[in-house]
Amino acid sequence: MTEPVLVSVNVGRARPSAHAERGITGIDKRPVDGAVEVRDPGPKGTGGSGLAGDTICDLRHHGGSGQAVYAYAREDLDAWEAELGRTLPCGAFGENLTTRDLDLTGMLVGERWRVGDRCVLQATSPRIPCRTFAGWLQDHGWIRRFAERGAPGAYCSVVTPGPVRAGDPVLVVRRPDHDVTIGLMFRALTIDKALLPRLLAAGEDLPADMRAYVLRRLG
C-alpha cells in the first residue's frame, strides 16, 4: 500500500477578479520550492491563511483558525482534468496542500494528520464552492457541478505548527470515534440538508460555528 504524501505546497498573492466580492482574490495558488511554515493564523475575520506567504483577501468568508489550510487530492484534480479536458496544475483549485493517496472525502471531521516532522493538522470542514471559484474556472455551472461530484477537499486547523514541503510524508495520527466524514458534511451543507442532524454525532470534533448552524436549522 502506497503511503500518503504531500505532492505540492501552494501559495497565492492577491490578483484582480471580477468575480470576487472585494474585486481581488488569492485563489490563484502556485507551487513553491522548499519549506513553508504553517501556523495558526488566528480567529476568522482577522486571521488569514495558515501558510506563510499565502494571501487571503476575503477574510469574512475565508481563512482563520478553522480554515487555516485547504487540502485537495491530486487524484481528484486528475479526475477533473479528464472531465474538463484541460490541465489542472497543483494549486488550481486554490488548495494550499495537494496530496496523494490520502482520502480527504472519507476523512473524519476531527481527524489529525502529521505532515513532515512536526506539523499536525486537523480536518474541520469541507470547501463549499462559491462565485469566485466558479469565475476562476470560467464555468458558470461550476457550483452545482462541484457539489454533485462530492469531492470537496478538506479545510484544516493547525494543531502543531511546523514547516512543510513537497515530498513530505503524511501520517494519520488520530481517528475520532464517530462516522461523520468530510464528504458527509459536504452533502449535508449542499445537496442533502436532511443529513444535517447526523453532523451532531461528531460531538466535540464538530466546529462550534458548524454546530451553531446545524442547531439553528433544526429549530
N, C-alpha and C. Protein backbone atom coordinates (compact mmCIF):
# COMPACT_ATOMS: atom_id res chain seq x y z
N MET A 1 0.84 -1.20 0.00
CA MET A 1 0.00 0.00 0.00
C MET A 1 0.88 1.25 0.00
N THR A 2 0.57 2.18 -0.90
CA THR A 2 1.35 3.40 -1.01
C THR A 2 1.04 4.34 0.15
N GLU A 3 2.07 4.92 0.73
CA GLU A 3 1.88 5.84 1.85
C GLU A 3 1.48 7.22 1.34
N PRO A 4 0.57 7.89 2.05
CA PRO A 4 0.17 9.25 1.65
C PRO A 4 1.37 10.20 1.64
N VAL A 5 1.33 11.15 0.71
CA VAL A 5 2.44 12.07 0.56
C VAL A 5 1.91 13.45 0.14
N LEU A 6 2.67 14.47 0.47
CA LEU A 6 2.37 15.82 0.04
C LEU A 6 3.03 16.03 -1.33
N VAL A 7 2.21 16.24 -2.35
CA VAL A 7 2.72 16.41 -3.71
C VAL A 7 3.24 17.83 -3.93
N SER A 8 2.51 18.80 -3.36
CA SER A 8 2.84 20.19 -3.63
C SER A 8 2.36 21.09 -2.50
N VAL A 9 3.12 22.16 -2.24
CA VAL A 9 2.70 23.22 -1.32
C VAL A 9 2.47 24.47 -2.17
N ASN A 10 1.29 25.08 -2.03
CA ASN A 10 0.89 26.14 -2.94
C ASN A 10 0.47 27.41 -2.17
N VAL A 11 0.97 28.55 -2.61
CA VAL A 11 0.58 29.82 -2.01
C VAL A 11 0.18 30.78 -3.12
N GLY A 12 -0.60 31.80 -2.76
CA GLY A 12 -1.07 32.75 -3.75
C GLY A 12 -0.91 34.17 -3.28
N ARG A 13 -0.92 35.09 -4.23
CA ARG A 13 -0.92 36.51 -3.90
C ARG A 13 -2.17 37.14 -4.50
N ALA A 14 -2.53 38.30 -4.01
CA ALA A 14 -3.76 38.95 -4.44
C ALA A 14 -3.70 39.33 -5.91
N ARG A 15 -4.78 38.99 -6.62
CA ARG A 15 -4.90 39.34 -8.03
C ARG A 15 -6.31 39.88 -8.28
N PRO A 16 -6.46 40.77 -9.26
CA PRO A 16 -7.79 41.30 -9.57
C PRO A 16 -8.72 40.20 -10.06
N SER A 17 -10.00 40.30 -9.70
CA SER A 17 -11.01 39.34 -10.15
C SER A 17 -12.37 40.03 -10.21
N ALA A 18 -13.03 39.88 -11.34
CA ALA A 18 -14.38 40.44 -11.49
C ALA A 18 -15.41 39.61 -10.75
N HIS A 19 -15.03 38.44 -10.30
CA HIS A 19 -15.97 37.51 -9.66
C HIS A 19 -15.89 37.53 -8.15
N ALA A 20 -14.88 38.21 -7.60
CA ALA A 20 -14.71 38.26 -6.15
C ALA A 20 -15.44 39.47 -5.58
N GLU A 21 -15.98 39.30 -4.37
CA GLU A 21 -16.75 40.35 -3.73
C GLU A 21 -15.94 41.63 -3.56
N ARG A 22 -14.66 41.49 -3.23
CA ARG A 22 -13.80 42.66 -2.99
C ARG A 22 -13.01 43.08 -4.22
N GLY A 23 -13.22 42.38 -5.34
CA GLY A 23 -12.52 42.73 -6.57
C GLY A 23 -11.12 42.16 -6.68
N ILE A 24 -10.66 41.48 -5.64
CA ILE A 24 -9.37 40.80 -5.65
C ILE A 24 -9.52 39.44 -5.00
N THR A 25 -8.64 38.52 -5.35
CA THR A 25 -8.71 37.18 -4.78
C THR A 25 -7.32 36.58 -4.68
N GLY A 26 -7.15 35.68 -3.72
CA GLY A 26 -5.89 34.94 -3.58
C GLY A 26 -6.04 33.50 -4.01
N ILE A 27 -7.07 33.19 -4.82
CA ILE A 27 -7.36 31.79 -5.18
C ILE A 27 -6.28 31.20 -6.10
N ASP A 28 -5.53 32.06 -6.76
CA ASP A 28 -4.51 31.59 -7.70
C ASP A 28 -3.28 31.12 -6.93
N LYS A 29 -3.34 29.88 -6.44
CA LYS A 29 -2.22 29.32 -5.68
C LYS A 29 -1.25 28.61 -6.63
N ARG A 30 0.04 28.78 -6.35
CA ARG A 30 1.05 28.17 -7.20
C ARG A 30 2.10 27.46 -6.36
N PRO A 31 2.62 26.33 -6.88
CA PRO A 31 3.61 25.56 -6.12
C PRO A 31 4.86 26.37 -5.81
N VAL A 32 5.41 26.11 -4.63
CA VAL A 32 6.65 26.77 -4.22
C VAL A 32 7.69 25.72 -3.88
N ASP A 33 8.93 26.08 -4.05
CA ASP A 33 10.03 25.20 -3.69
C ASP A 33 10.40 25.41 -2.22
N GLY A 34 10.94 24.37 -1.61
CA GLY A 34 11.42 24.50 -0.25
C GLY A 34 10.32 24.43 0.78
N ALA A 35 10.68 24.70 2.03
CA ALA A 35 9.77 24.57 3.15
C ALA A 35 8.95 25.85 3.33
N VAL A 36 7.69 25.66 3.74
CA VAL A 36 6.79 26.77 4.07
C VAL A 36 6.30 26.56 5.49
N GLU A 37 6.39 27.58 6.30
CA GLU A 37 5.95 27.47 7.69
C GLU A 37 4.42 27.52 7.76
N VAL A 38 3.87 26.59 8.55
CA VAL A 38 2.43 26.53 8.76
C VAL A 38 2.15 26.80 10.23
N ARG A 39 1.19 27.72 10.49
CA ARG A 39 0.86 28.05 11.88
C ARG A 39 -0.59 28.50 11.95
N ASP A 40 -1.11 28.59 13.16
CA ASP A 40 -2.48 29.06 13.38
C ASP A 40 -2.54 30.55 13.07
N PRO A 41 -3.39 30.96 12.12
CA PRO A 41 -3.41 32.37 11.74
C PRO A 41 -4.23 33.26 12.66
N GLY A 42 -5.00 32.66 13.58
CA GLY A 42 -5.84 33.46 14.46
C GLY A 42 -7.30 33.41 14.04
N PRO A 43 -8.17 34.10 14.77
CA PRO A 43 -9.61 34.00 14.55
C PRO A 43 -10.04 34.44 13.16
N LYS A 44 -11.14 33.84 12.70
CA LYS A 44 -11.71 34.22 11.42
C LYS A 44 -12.12 35.69 11.47
N GLY A 45 -11.88 36.38 10.37
CA GLY A 45 -12.20 37.79 10.31
C GLY A 45 -10.99 38.67 10.51
N THR A 46 -10.01 38.12 11.21
CA THR A 46 -8.75 38.85 11.41
C THR A 46 -7.56 38.04 10.92
N GLY A 47 -7.63 36.71 11.11
CA GLY A 47 -6.55 35.84 10.67
C GLY A 47 -6.78 35.37 9.24
N GLY A 48 -5.72 35.30 8.46
CA GLY A 48 -5.83 34.87 7.08
C GLY A 48 -5.45 33.41 6.90
N SER A 49 -4.45 33.17 6.07
CA SER A 49 -4.00 31.82 5.77
C SER A 49 -3.05 31.31 6.84
N GLY A 50 -3.01 29.99 6.99
CA GLY A 50 -2.07 29.37 7.90
C GLY A 50 -0.69 29.19 7.31
N LEU A 51 -0.52 29.48 6.01
CA LEU A 51 0.77 29.31 5.36
C LEU A 51 1.46 30.64 5.20
N ALA A 52 2.69 30.70 5.62
CA ALA A 52 3.48 31.92 5.44
C ALA A 52 3.58 32.25 3.96
N GLY A 53 3.33 33.52 3.62
CA GLY A 53 3.45 33.95 2.24
C GLY A 53 2.20 33.77 1.42
N ASP A 54 1.16 33.20 2.00
CA ASP A 54 -0.10 32.99 1.27
C ASP A 54 -1.08 34.12 1.59
N THR A 55 -1.85 34.52 0.59
CA THR A 55 -2.77 35.65 0.74
C THR A 55 -4.22 35.19 0.70
N ILE A 56 -5.01 35.67 1.65
CA ILE A 56 -6.46 35.52 1.62
C ILE A 56 -7.05 36.93 1.64
N CYS A 57 -7.87 37.22 0.65
CA CYS A 57 -8.40 38.58 0.52
C CYS A 57 -9.74 38.77 1.21
N ASP A 58 -10.59 37.76 1.17
CA ASP A 58 -11.93 37.85 1.76
C ASP A 58 -11.91 37.21 3.14
N LEU A 59 -11.52 37.99 4.15
CA LEU A 59 -11.39 37.44 5.49
C LEU A 59 -12.74 37.15 6.15
N ARG A 60 -13.81 37.70 5.60
CA ARG A 60 -15.13 37.44 6.17
C ARG A 60 -15.58 36.00 5.91
N HIS A 61 -15.20 35.47 4.76
CA HIS A 61 -15.65 34.13 4.38
C HIS A 61 -14.55 33.08 4.41
N HIS A 62 -13.31 33.49 4.41
CA HIS A 62 -12.22 32.52 4.30
C HIS A 62 -11.13 32.79 5.33
N GLY A 63 -10.33 31.76 5.58
CA GLY A 63 -9.20 31.90 6.48
C GLY A 63 -9.59 31.80 7.94
N GLY A 64 -8.65 32.10 8.81
CA GLY A 64 -8.85 31.97 10.23
C GLY A 64 -8.51 30.56 10.70
N SER A 65 -8.58 30.36 11.99
CA SER A 65 -8.13 29.09 12.59
C SER A 65 -8.79 27.86 11.99
N GLY A 66 -10.10 27.92 11.76
CA GLY A 66 -10.82 26.75 11.27
C GLY A 66 -10.60 26.45 9.80
N GLN A 67 -10.11 27.44 9.05
CA GLN A 67 -9.83 27.27 7.63
C GLN A 67 -8.39 27.71 7.34
N ALA A 68 -7.49 27.32 8.21
CA ALA A 68 -6.10 27.76 8.10
C ALA A 68 -5.41 27.18 6.87
N VAL A 69 -5.78 25.95 6.53
CA VAL A 69 -5.14 25.22 5.44
C VAL A 69 -6.23 24.52 4.62
N TYR A 70 -6.11 24.59 3.30
CA TYR A 70 -7.04 23.85 2.44
C TYR A 70 -6.26 22.79 1.67
N ALA A 71 -6.71 21.55 1.78
CA ALA A 71 -6.05 20.43 1.11
C ALA A 71 -6.96 19.82 0.05
N TYR A 72 -6.38 19.44 -1.07
CA TYR A 72 -7.14 18.78 -2.13
C TYR A 72 -6.28 17.66 -2.71
N ALA A 73 -6.95 16.59 -3.11
CA ALA A 73 -6.24 15.40 -3.58
C ALA A 73 -5.86 15.50 -5.05
N ARG A 74 -4.64 15.12 -5.37
CA ARG A 74 -4.19 15.10 -6.76
C ARG A 74 -5.06 14.17 -7.60
N GLU A 75 -5.52 13.08 -7.00
CA GLU A 75 -6.36 12.14 -7.74
C GLU A 75 -7.66 12.80 -8.19
N ASP A 76 -8.22 13.68 -7.33
CA ASP A 76 -9.46 14.37 -7.71
C ASP A 76 -9.19 15.42 -8.77
N LEU A 77 -8.05 16.09 -8.70
CA LEU A 77 -7.68 17.01 -9.77
C LEU A 77 -7.53 16.28 -11.10
N ASP A 78 -6.94 15.08 -11.05
CA ASP A 78 -6.77 14.29 -12.27
C ASP A 78 -8.12 13.92 -12.87
N ALA A 79 -9.08 13.56 -12.01
CA ALA A 79 -10.42 13.21 -12.49
C ALA A 79 -11.10 14.41 -13.14
N TRP A 80 -10.92 15.59 -12.53
CA TRP A 80 -11.49 16.80 -13.11
C TRP A 80 -10.80 17.15 -14.43
N GLU A 81 -9.49 16.91 -14.52
CA GLU A 81 -8.79 17.15 -15.78
C GLU A 81 -9.43 16.35 -16.92
N ALA A 82 -9.72 15.07 -16.65
CA ALA A 82 -10.32 14.21 -17.67
C ALA A 82 -11.71 14.72 -18.06
N GLU A 83 -12.47 15.17 -17.07
CA GLU A 83 -13.84 15.64 -17.34
C GLU A 83 -13.85 16.99 -18.04
N LEU A 84 -12.99 17.90 -17.62
CA LEU A 84 -12.99 19.24 -18.18
C LEU A 84 -12.17 19.36 -19.46
N GLY A 85 -11.29 18.39 -19.68
CA GLY A 85 -10.47 18.41 -20.89
C GLY A 85 -9.40 19.48 -20.89
N ARG A 86 -8.87 19.79 -19.71
CA ARG A 86 -7.79 20.77 -19.63
C ARG A 86 -6.88 20.44 -18.45
N THR A 87 -5.68 20.98 -18.51
CA THR A 87 -4.70 20.72 -17.47
C THR A 87 -5.03 21.51 -16.21
N LEU A 88 -4.94 20.83 -15.07
CA LEU A 88 -5.15 21.47 -13.78
C LEU A 88 -3.90 21.24 -12.93
N PRO A 89 -3.00 22.21 -12.90
CA PRO A 89 -1.78 22.04 -12.09
C PRO A 89 -2.10 22.06 -10.61
N CYS A 90 -1.19 21.59 -9.80
CA CYS A 90 -1.36 21.66 -8.35
C CYS A 90 -1.59 23.11 -7.95
N GLY A 91 -2.60 23.32 -7.10
CA GLY A 91 -2.98 24.67 -6.70
C GLY A 91 -4.12 25.24 -7.52
N ALA A 92 -4.54 24.54 -8.58
CA ALA A 92 -5.56 25.08 -9.49
C ALA A 92 -6.90 25.30 -8.82
N PHE A 93 -7.20 24.54 -7.75
CA PHE A 93 -8.47 24.72 -7.04
C PHE A 93 -8.30 25.65 -5.83
N GLY A 94 -7.17 26.33 -5.76
CA GLY A 94 -6.92 27.23 -4.64
C GLY A 94 -6.47 26.51 -3.39
N GLU A 95 -6.04 25.25 -3.56
CA GLU A 95 -5.61 24.49 -2.38
C GLU A 95 -4.18 24.84 -1.99
N ASN A 96 -3.94 24.82 -0.69
CA ASN A 96 -2.60 25.05 -0.17
C ASN A 96 -1.74 23.80 -0.25
N LEU A 97 -2.37 22.66 0.02
CA LEU A 97 -1.66 21.38 0.00
C LEU A 97 -2.33 20.45 -1.01
N THR A 98 -1.54 19.94 -1.93
CA THR A 98 -2.03 18.92 -2.86
C THR A 98 -1.47 17.59 -2.39
N THR A 99 -2.37 16.65 -2.10
CA THR A 99 -1.96 15.36 -1.53
C THR A 99 -2.12 14.23 -2.53
N ARG A 100 -1.49 13.10 -2.19
CA ARG A 100 -1.70 11.88 -2.97
C ARG A 100 -1.86 10.71 -1.98
N ASP A 101 -2.78 9.79 -2.33
CA ASP A 101 -3.05 8.60 -1.52
C ASP A 101 -3.58 8.94 -0.14
N LEU A 102 -4.32 10.04 -0.04
CA LEU A 102 -4.98 10.43 1.20
C LEU A 102 -6.45 10.69 0.88
N ASP A 103 -7.35 9.92 1.49
CA ASP A 103 -8.77 10.03 1.20
C ASP A 103 -9.36 11.20 1.96
N LEU A 104 -9.36 12.36 1.34
CA LEU A 104 -9.86 13.56 2.00
C LEU A 104 -11.38 13.57 2.14
N THR A 105 -12.07 13.01 1.16
CA THR A 105 -13.54 12.96 1.24
C THR A 105 -13.99 12.02 2.35
N GLY A 106 -13.29 10.91 2.53
CA GLY A 106 -13.63 9.94 3.57
C GLY A 106 -13.01 10.25 4.91
N MET A 107 -12.24 11.32 4.99
CA MET A 107 -11.60 11.70 6.25
C MET A 107 -12.65 12.12 7.27
N LEU A 108 -12.45 11.73 8.52
CA LEU A 108 -13.39 12.08 9.57
C LEU A 108 -13.16 13.52 10.05
N VAL A 109 -14.24 14.19 10.36
CA VAL A 109 -14.13 15.52 10.96
C VAL A 109 -13.42 15.36 12.32
N GLY A 110 -12.36 16.11 12.52
CA GLY A 110 -11.56 15.97 13.73
C GLY A 110 -10.37 15.04 13.57
N GLU A 111 -10.26 14.38 12.42
CA GLU A 111 -9.10 13.54 12.16
C GLU A 111 -7.84 14.39 12.08
N ARG A 112 -6.75 13.84 12.60
CA ARG A 112 -5.49 14.58 12.59
C ARG A 112 -4.44 13.84 11.78
N TRP A 113 -3.64 14.61 11.07
CA TRP A 113 -2.53 14.01 10.33
C TRP A 113 -1.30 14.89 10.43
N ARG A 114 -0.16 14.21 10.54
CA ARG A 114 1.11 14.90 10.63
C ARG A 114 1.75 14.97 9.25
N VAL A 115 2.19 16.16 8.90
CA VAL A 115 2.87 16.38 7.63
C VAL A 115 4.33 16.68 7.93
N GLY A 116 5.21 15.86 7.38
CA GLY A 116 6.62 16.05 7.67
C GLY A 116 6.95 15.68 9.11
N ASP A 117 7.90 16.38 9.70
CA ASP A 117 8.39 16.02 11.03
C ASP A 117 7.54 16.54 12.17
N ARG A 118 6.91 17.73 12.01
CA ARG A 118 6.27 18.36 13.16
C ARG A 118 4.83 18.82 12.95
N CYS A 119 4.52 19.32 11.79
CA CYS A 119 3.22 19.96 11.57
C CYS A 119 2.07 18.96 11.70
N VAL A 120 1.10 19.27 12.57
CA VAL A 120 -0.09 18.44 12.73
C VAL A 120 -1.32 19.27 12.38
N LEU A 121 -2.14 18.74 11.48
CA LEU A 121 -3.36 19.40 11.03
C LEU A 121 -4.58 18.61 11.45
N GLN A 122 -5.71 19.28 11.62
CA GLN A 122 -6.96 18.62 11.98
C GLN A 122 -8.05 19.02 11.00
N ALA A 123 -8.70 18.02 10.41
CA ALA A 123 -9.78 18.28 9.45
C ALA A 123 -10.97 18.91 10.16
N THR A 124 -11.45 20.02 9.61
CA THR A 124 -12.56 20.74 10.25
C THR A 124 -13.83 20.75 9.41
N SER A 125 -13.71 20.93 8.10
CA SER A 125 -14.90 21.10 7.26
C SER A 125 -14.55 20.98 5.79
N PRO A 126 -15.56 20.80 4.94
CA PRO A 126 -15.31 20.76 3.50
C PRO A 126 -15.29 22.16 2.91
N ARG A 127 -14.76 22.27 1.72
CA ARG A 127 -14.80 23.52 0.97
C ARG A 127 -16.16 23.61 0.27
N ILE A 128 -16.85 24.74 0.44
CA ILE A 128 -18.12 24.97 -0.23
C ILE A 128 -17.86 25.86 -1.43
N PRO A 129 -18.27 25.47 -2.63
CA PRO A 129 -17.97 26.26 -3.83
C PRO A 129 -18.67 27.61 -3.81
N CYS A 130 -18.02 28.61 -4.37
CA CYS A 130 -18.56 29.97 -4.36
C CYS A 130 -18.41 30.60 -5.75
N ARG A 131 -18.92 31.81 -5.87
CA ARG A 131 -18.88 32.53 -7.14
C ARG A 131 -17.45 32.79 -7.61
N THR A 132 -16.57 33.09 -6.67
CA THR A 132 -15.17 33.34 -7.03
C THR A 132 -14.54 32.09 -7.63
N PHE A 133 -14.83 30.94 -7.04
CA PHE A 133 -14.31 29.65 -7.53
C PHE A 133 -14.81 29.39 -8.95
N ALA A 134 -16.11 29.60 -9.17
CA ALA A 134 -16.70 29.39 -10.49
C ALA A 134 -16.09 30.34 -11.52
N GLY A 135 -15.91 31.59 -11.12
CA GLY A 135 -15.32 32.56 -12.03
C GLY A 135 -13.87 32.24 -12.36
N TRP A 136 -13.14 31.77 -11.35
CA TRP A 136 -11.74 31.41 -11.55
C TRP A 136 -11.62 30.30 -12.59
N LEU A 137 -12.55 29.33 -12.56
CA LEU A 137 -12.50 28.22 -13.52
C LEU A 137 -13.28 28.53 -14.80
N GLN A 138 -13.90 29.70 -14.85
CA GLN A 138 -14.66 30.13 -16.03
C GLN A 138 -15.72 29.09 -16.42
N ASP A 139 -16.48 28.69 -15.42
CA ASP A 139 -17.53 27.69 -15.62
C ASP A 139 -18.76 28.15 -14.85
N HIS A 140 -19.78 28.64 -15.57
CA HIS A 140 -20.97 29.20 -14.92
C HIS A 140 -21.76 28.16 -14.12
N GLY A 141 -21.64 26.90 -14.50
CA GLY A 141 -22.35 25.84 -13.79
C GLY A 141 -21.51 25.13 -12.76
N TRP A 142 -20.37 25.76 -12.41
CA TRP A 142 -19.38 25.07 -11.58
C TRP A 142 -19.89 24.78 -10.17
N ILE A 143 -20.61 25.68 -9.55
CA ILE A 143 -21.05 25.47 -8.17
C ILE A 143 -21.87 24.19 -8.07
N ARG A 144 -22.83 24.02 -8.98
CA ARG A 144 -23.64 22.79 -8.96
C ARG A 144 -22.81 21.57 -9.34
N ARG A 145 -21.95 21.73 -10.32
CA ARG A 145 -21.13 20.62 -10.80
C ARG A 145 -20.22 20.10 -9.68
N PHE A 146 -19.58 21.02 -8.99
CA PHE A 146 -18.68 20.66 -7.90
C PHE A 146 -19.45 19.99 -6.77
N ALA A 147 -20.64 20.51 -6.46
CA ALA A 147 -21.45 19.94 -5.40
C ALA A 147 -21.89 18.52 -5.73
N GLU A 148 -22.28 18.30 -6.97
CA GLU A 148 -22.75 16.97 -7.36
C GLU A 148 -21.63 15.94 -7.36
N ARG A 149 -20.40 16.35 -7.66
CA ARG A 149 -19.26 15.42 -7.65
C ARG A 149 -18.98 14.96 -6.22
N GLY A 150 -19.07 15.85 -5.25
CA GLY A 150 -18.92 15.45 -3.85
C GLY A 150 -17.50 15.16 -3.41
N ALA A 151 -16.53 15.79 -4.06
CA ALA A 151 -15.12 15.65 -3.65
C ALA A 151 -14.60 17.03 -3.33
N PRO A 152 -14.92 17.57 -2.12
CA PRO A 152 -14.68 18.98 -1.83
C PRO A 152 -13.29 19.33 -1.33
N GLY A 153 -12.50 18.34 -0.96
CA GLY A 153 -11.26 18.66 -0.25
C GLY A 153 -11.58 19.02 1.19
N ALA A 154 -10.56 19.26 1.99
CA ALA A 154 -10.77 19.49 3.42
C ALA A 154 -10.04 20.73 3.91
N TYR A 155 -10.79 21.56 4.65
CA TYR A 155 -10.16 22.63 5.42
C TYR A 155 -9.62 22.03 6.71
N CYS A 156 -8.52 22.61 7.19
CA CYS A 156 -7.88 22.10 8.40
C CYS A 156 -7.46 23.24 9.31
N SER A 157 -7.48 22.95 10.60
CA SER A 157 -6.86 23.84 11.58
C SER A 157 -5.46 23.34 11.86
N VAL A 158 -4.66 24.19 12.48
CA VAL A 158 -3.28 23.82 12.79
C VAL A 158 -3.18 23.48 14.27
N VAL A 159 -2.90 22.22 14.57
CA VAL A 159 -2.75 21.76 15.95
C VAL A 159 -1.33 22.02 16.43
N THR A 160 -0.36 21.66 15.60
CA THR A 160 1.05 21.88 15.91
C THR A 160 1.71 22.55 14.72
N PRO A 161 2.27 23.75 14.88
CA PRO A 161 2.90 24.43 13.75
C PRO A 161 4.18 23.74 13.32
N GLY A 162 4.60 24.05 12.13
CA GLY A 162 5.85 23.48 11.63
C GLY A 162 5.98 23.66 10.13
N PRO A 163 7.17 23.42 9.61
CA PRO A 163 7.39 23.57 8.17
C PRO A 163 6.88 22.36 7.39
N VAL A 164 6.40 22.61 6.17
CA VAL A 164 6.00 21.53 5.28
C VAL A 164 6.62 21.79 3.91
N ARG A 165 6.83 20.73 3.16
CA ARG A 165 7.41 20.87 1.82
C ARG A 165 6.93 19.71 0.95
N ALA A 166 6.97 19.90 -0.34
CA ALA A 166 6.61 18.83 -1.28
C ALA A 166 7.47 17.60 -1.01
N GLY A 167 6.84 16.43 -1.03
CA GLY A 167 7.54 15.18 -0.75
C GLY A 167 7.42 14.72 0.67
N ASP A 168 6.90 15.58 1.56
CA ASP A 168 6.73 15.18 2.96
C ASP A 168 5.73 14.03 3.07
N PRO A 169 6.02 13.04 3.92
CA PRO A 169 5.03 12.00 4.19
C PRO A 169 3.88 12.56 5.02
N VAL A 170 2.72 11.96 4.86
CA VAL A 170 1.53 12.35 5.62
C VAL A 170 1.08 11.13 6.42
N LEU A 171 1.00 11.29 7.73
CA LEU A 171 0.66 10.18 8.61
C LEU A 171 -0.57 10.52 9.44
N VAL A 172 -1.61 9.70 9.36
CA VAL A 172 -2.79 9.90 10.19
C VAL A 172 -2.43 9.54 11.63
N VAL A 173 -2.62 10.47 12.56
CA VAL A 173 -2.23 10.25 13.95
C VAL A 173 -3.44 10.19 14.89
N ARG A 174 -4.62 10.50 14.39
CA ARG A 174 -5.83 10.40 15.22
C ARG A 174 -7.04 10.16 14.34
N ARG A 175 -7.82 9.13 14.70
CA ARG A 175 -9.09 8.85 14.03
C ARG A 175 -10.19 8.91 15.08
N PRO A 176 -11.08 9.90 15.02
CA PRO A 176 -12.14 10.04 16.02
C PRO A 176 -13.09 8.85 16.02
N ASP A 177 -13.81 8.69 17.11
CA ASP A 177 -14.75 7.58 17.27
C ASP A 177 -16.16 8.03 16.89
N HIS A 178 -16.32 8.42 15.63
CA HIS A 178 -17.64 8.73 15.07
C HIS A 178 -17.57 8.49 13.56
N ASP A 179 -18.68 8.67 12.86
CA ASP A 179 -18.69 8.37 11.43
C ASP A 179 -18.97 9.59 10.56
N VAL A 180 -18.75 10.77 11.08
CA VAL A 180 -19.02 11.99 10.31
C VAL A 180 -17.79 12.35 9.47
N THR A 181 -17.90 12.13 8.19
CA THR A 181 -16.79 12.40 7.27
C THR A 181 -16.92 13.78 6.64
N ILE A 182 -15.84 14.22 6.04
CA ILE A 182 -15.85 15.47 5.29
C ILE A 182 -16.87 15.38 4.16
N GLY A 183 -16.95 14.23 3.51
CA GLY A 183 -17.91 14.05 2.43
C GLY A 183 -19.35 14.14 2.90
N LEU A 184 -19.64 13.55 4.06
CA LEU A 184 -20.99 13.62 4.63
C LEU A 184 -21.34 15.06 4.97
N MET A 185 -20.43 15.77 5.60
CA MET A 185 -20.70 17.16 5.94
C MET A 185 -20.96 17.99 4.68
N PHE A 186 -20.19 17.74 3.64
CA PHE A 186 -20.37 18.47 2.39
C PHE A 186 -21.77 18.24 1.82
N ARG A 187 -22.20 16.99 1.77
CA ARG A 187 -23.54 16.71 1.24
C ARG A 187 -24.62 17.37 2.10
N ALA A 188 -24.42 17.35 3.42
CA ALA A 188 -25.40 17.94 4.33
C ALA A 188 -25.51 19.46 4.13
N LEU A 189 -24.41 20.08 3.76
CA LEU A 189 -24.40 21.53 3.61
C LEU A 189 -24.79 21.99 2.21
N THR A 190 -24.87 21.04 1.26
CA THR A 190 -25.12 21.44 -0.13
C THR A 190 -26.37 20.78 -0.72
N ILE A 191 -26.30 19.50 -1.01
CA ILE A 191 -27.37 18.88 -1.81
C ILE A 191 -28.36 18.04 -1.00
N ASP A 192 -28.09 17.80 0.27
CA ASP A 192 -28.99 16.95 1.06
C ASP A 192 -29.06 17.46 2.50
N LYS A 193 -29.84 18.51 2.71
CA LYS A 193 -29.93 19.14 4.03
C LYS A 193 -30.55 18.21 5.08
N ALA A 194 -31.20 17.14 4.63
CA ALA A 194 -31.77 16.18 5.58
C ALA A 194 -30.69 15.47 6.39
N LEU A 195 -29.45 15.55 5.92
CA LEU A 195 -28.33 14.91 6.62
C LEU A 195 -27.78 15.78 7.76
N LEU A 196 -28.22 17.01 7.87
CA LEU A 196 -27.66 17.92 8.88
C LEU A 196 -27.67 17.35 10.30
N PRO A 197 -28.76 16.72 10.77
CA PRO A 197 -28.74 16.20 12.14
C PRO A 197 -27.61 15.21 12.40
N ARG A 198 -27.19 14.49 11.37
CA ARG A 198 -26.13 13.49 11.54
C ARG A 198 -24.79 14.13 11.92
N LEU A 199 -24.62 15.40 11.58
CA LEU A 199 -23.35 16.05 11.88
C LEU A 199 -23.10 16.16 13.38
N LEU A 200 -24.17 16.21 14.16
CA LEU A 200 -24.03 16.35 15.61
C LEU A 200 -23.35 15.14 16.25
N ALA A 201 -23.33 14.01 15.52
CA ALA A 201 -22.68 12.81 16.03
C ALA A 201 -21.16 13.00 16.17
N ALA A 202 -20.62 14.06 15.54
CA ALA A 202 -19.18 14.32 15.65
C ALA A 202 -18.81 14.86 17.02
N GLY A 203 -19.80 15.25 17.83
CA GLY A 203 -19.53 15.71 19.19
C GLY A 203 -18.60 16.90 19.22
N GLU A 204 -17.58 16.83 20.08
CA GLU A 204 -16.65 17.94 20.26
C GLU A 204 -15.77 18.18 19.03
N ASP A 205 -15.73 17.22 18.11
CA ASP A 205 -14.94 17.41 16.90
C ASP A 205 -15.64 18.32 15.90
N LEU A 206 -16.93 18.55 16.06
CA LEU A 206 -17.65 19.44 15.17
C LEU A 206 -17.32 20.89 15.54
N PRO A 207 -16.83 21.68 14.59
CA PRO A 207 -16.51 23.08 14.91
C PRO A 207 -17.71 23.81 15.49
N ALA A 208 -17.45 24.74 16.42
CA ALA A 208 -18.52 25.43 17.13
C ALA A 208 -19.45 26.17 16.20
N ASP A 209 -18.91 26.82 15.16
CA ASP A 209 -19.78 27.56 14.24
C ASP A 209 -20.66 26.62 13.43
N MET A 210 -20.15 25.43 13.13
CA MET A 210 -20.95 24.45 12.40
C MET A 210 -22.05 23.88 13.29
N ARG A 211 -21.73 23.64 14.54
CA ARG A 211 -22.74 23.15 15.49
C ARG A 211 -23.87 24.18 15.63
N ALA A 212 -23.49 25.45 15.75
CA ALA A 212 -24.49 26.51 15.89
C ALA A 212 -25.38 26.58 14.65
N TYR A 213 -24.78 26.43 13.48
CA TYR A 213 -25.55 26.45 12.23
C TYR A 213 -26.55 25.31 12.18
N VAL A 214 -26.09 24.11 12.51
CA VAL A 214 -26.98 22.94 12.49
C VAL A 214 -28.14 23.12 13.46
N LEU A 215 -27.84 23.57 14.66
CA LEU A 215 -28.89 23.74 15.66
C LEU A 215 -29.92 24.80 15.25
N ARG A 216 -29.45 25.85 14.59
CA ARG A 216 -30.38 26.87 14.08
C ARG A 216 -31.29 26.27 13.02
N ARG A 217 -30.72 25.47 12.12
CA ARG A 217 -31.52 24.86 11.06
C ARG A 217 -32.53 23.87 11.59
N LEU A 218 -32.18 23.22 12.70
CA LEU A 218 -33.09 22.23 13.30
C LEU A 218 -34.15 22.89 14.15
N GLY A 219 -34.00 24.18 14.39
CA GLY A 219 -35.02 24.92 15.17
C GLY A 219 -34.91 24.69 16.64
